[in-house]
């Protein structure tokens, strides 16, 4: 199997899992937790977090964490501009 085929299959499986994650009477937070789990497993990442950007305050809030709360963008290296 070629790498391109494997990536397509992994992507299709991720789309399927994200679709299934929305089933049932669940809260947006539970849905985002399920999506983060699916992305983490699909791309073999140790951690995935969904965040919301607040442009006026230049802060981000974790949406799929147990303890959400805003923090300065400067403390989030992947989101800060260099």
Protein backbone atom coordinates (compact mmCIF):
# COMPACT_ATOMS: atom_id res chain seq x y z
CA UNK A 1 0.00 0.00 0.00
CA UNK A 2 1.39 3.40 -0.93
CA UNK A 3 1.78 6.23 1.57
CA UNK A 4 -0.82 8.31 -0.31
CA UNK A 5 -3.37 5.50 -0.08
CA UNK A 6 -2.64 5.02 3.62
CA UNK A 7 -3.11 8.76 4.26
CA UNK A 8 -6.42 8.74 2.39
CA UNK A 9 -7.64 5.78 4.39
CA UNK A 10 -6.56 7.39 7.65
CA UNK A 11 -8.30 10.63 6.65
CA UNK A 12 -11.51 8.83 5.70
CA UNK A 13 -11.46 6.94 9.00
CA UNK A 14 -10.99 10.22 10.86
CA UNK A 15 -13.93 11.80 9.02
CA UNK A 16 -16.04 8.76 9.92
CA UNK A 17 -15.05 8.95 13.60
CA UNK A 18 -15.74 12.70 13.78
CA UNK A 19 -19.14 12.10 12.21
CA UNK A 20 -19.91 9.38 14.74
CA UNK A 21 -18.70 11.58 17.59
CA UNK A 22 -21.71 13.84 17.11
CA UNK A 23 -24.25 11.08 17.64
CA UNK A 24 -26.54 11.18 20.60
CA UNK A 25 -27.73 13.95 22.87
CA UNK A 26 -24.31 15.29 23.86
CA UNK A 27 -22.94 18.68 24.82
CA UNK A 28 -20.55 20.61 22.58
CA UNK A 29 -17.77 19.95 25.12
CA UNK A 30 -18.28 16.18 24.92
CA UNK A 31 -18.33 16.37 21.11
CA UNK A 32 -15.04 18.31 21.09
CA UNK A 33 -13.47 15.83 23.52
CA UNK A 34 -14.44 13.00 21.17
CA UNK A 35 -13.07 14.85 18.15
CA UNK A 36 -9.78 15.55 19.95
CA UNK A 37 -9.51 11.86 20.85
CA UNK A 38 -10.13 10.86 17.22
CA UNK A 39 -7.55 13.31 15.87
CA UNK A 40 -5.02 12.26 18.50
CA UNK A 41 -5.37 8.59 17.59
CA UNK A 42 -5.47 9.17 13.83
CA UNK A 43 -2.27 11.19 13.78
CA UNK A 44 -0.60 9.40 16.72
CA UNK A 45 -0.36 12.58 18.78
CA UNK A 46 0.00 12.53 22.54
CA UNK A 47 -2.38 15.47 23.02
CA UNK A 48 -4.89 17.49 21.00
CA UNK A 49 -6.74 20.52 22.31
CA UNK A 50 -9.58 22.50 20.75
CA UNK A 51 -9.20 26.22 21.42
CA UNK A 52 -11.24 29.36 20.83
CA UNK A 53 -9.44 32.58 19.89
CA UNK A 54 -10.63 35.85 21.45
CA UNK A 55 -9.22 38.47 19.07
CA UNK A 56 -10.02 41.54 21.16
CA UNK A 57 -8.18 40.20 24.22
CA UNK A 58 -5.58 38.22 22.24
CA UNK A 59 -6.30 35.18 24.39
CA UNK A 60 -7.28 31.60 23.75
CA UNK A 61 -9.55 29.34 25.77
CA UNK A 62 -9.32 25.56 25.82
CA UNK A 63 -12.69 24.18 24.79
CA UNK A 64 -12.02 20.49 25.23
CA UNK A 65 -10.21 20.59 28.55
CA UNK A 66 -11.57 19.93 32.00
CA UNK A 67 -10.56 23.38 33.21
CA UNK A 68 -11.21 25.88 30.39
CA UNK A 69 -10.06 29.43 30.84
CA UNK A 70 -8.45 32.21 28.83
CA UNK A 71 -4.70 32.61 28.69
CA UNK A 72 -2.52 35.10 26.79
CA UNK A 73 -1.63 34.06 23.27
CA UNK A 74 2.04 34.67 24.10
CA UNK A 75 1.83 31.62 26.39
CA UNK A 76 0.65 29.46 23.47
CA UNK A 77 3.76 29.19 21.25
CA UNK A 78 2.06 27.48 18.32
CA UNK A 79 -0.48 30.32 18.08
CA UNK A 80 1.81 33.29 18.75
CA UNK A 81 3.22 35.14 15.76
CA UNK A 82 6.99 35.33 15.58
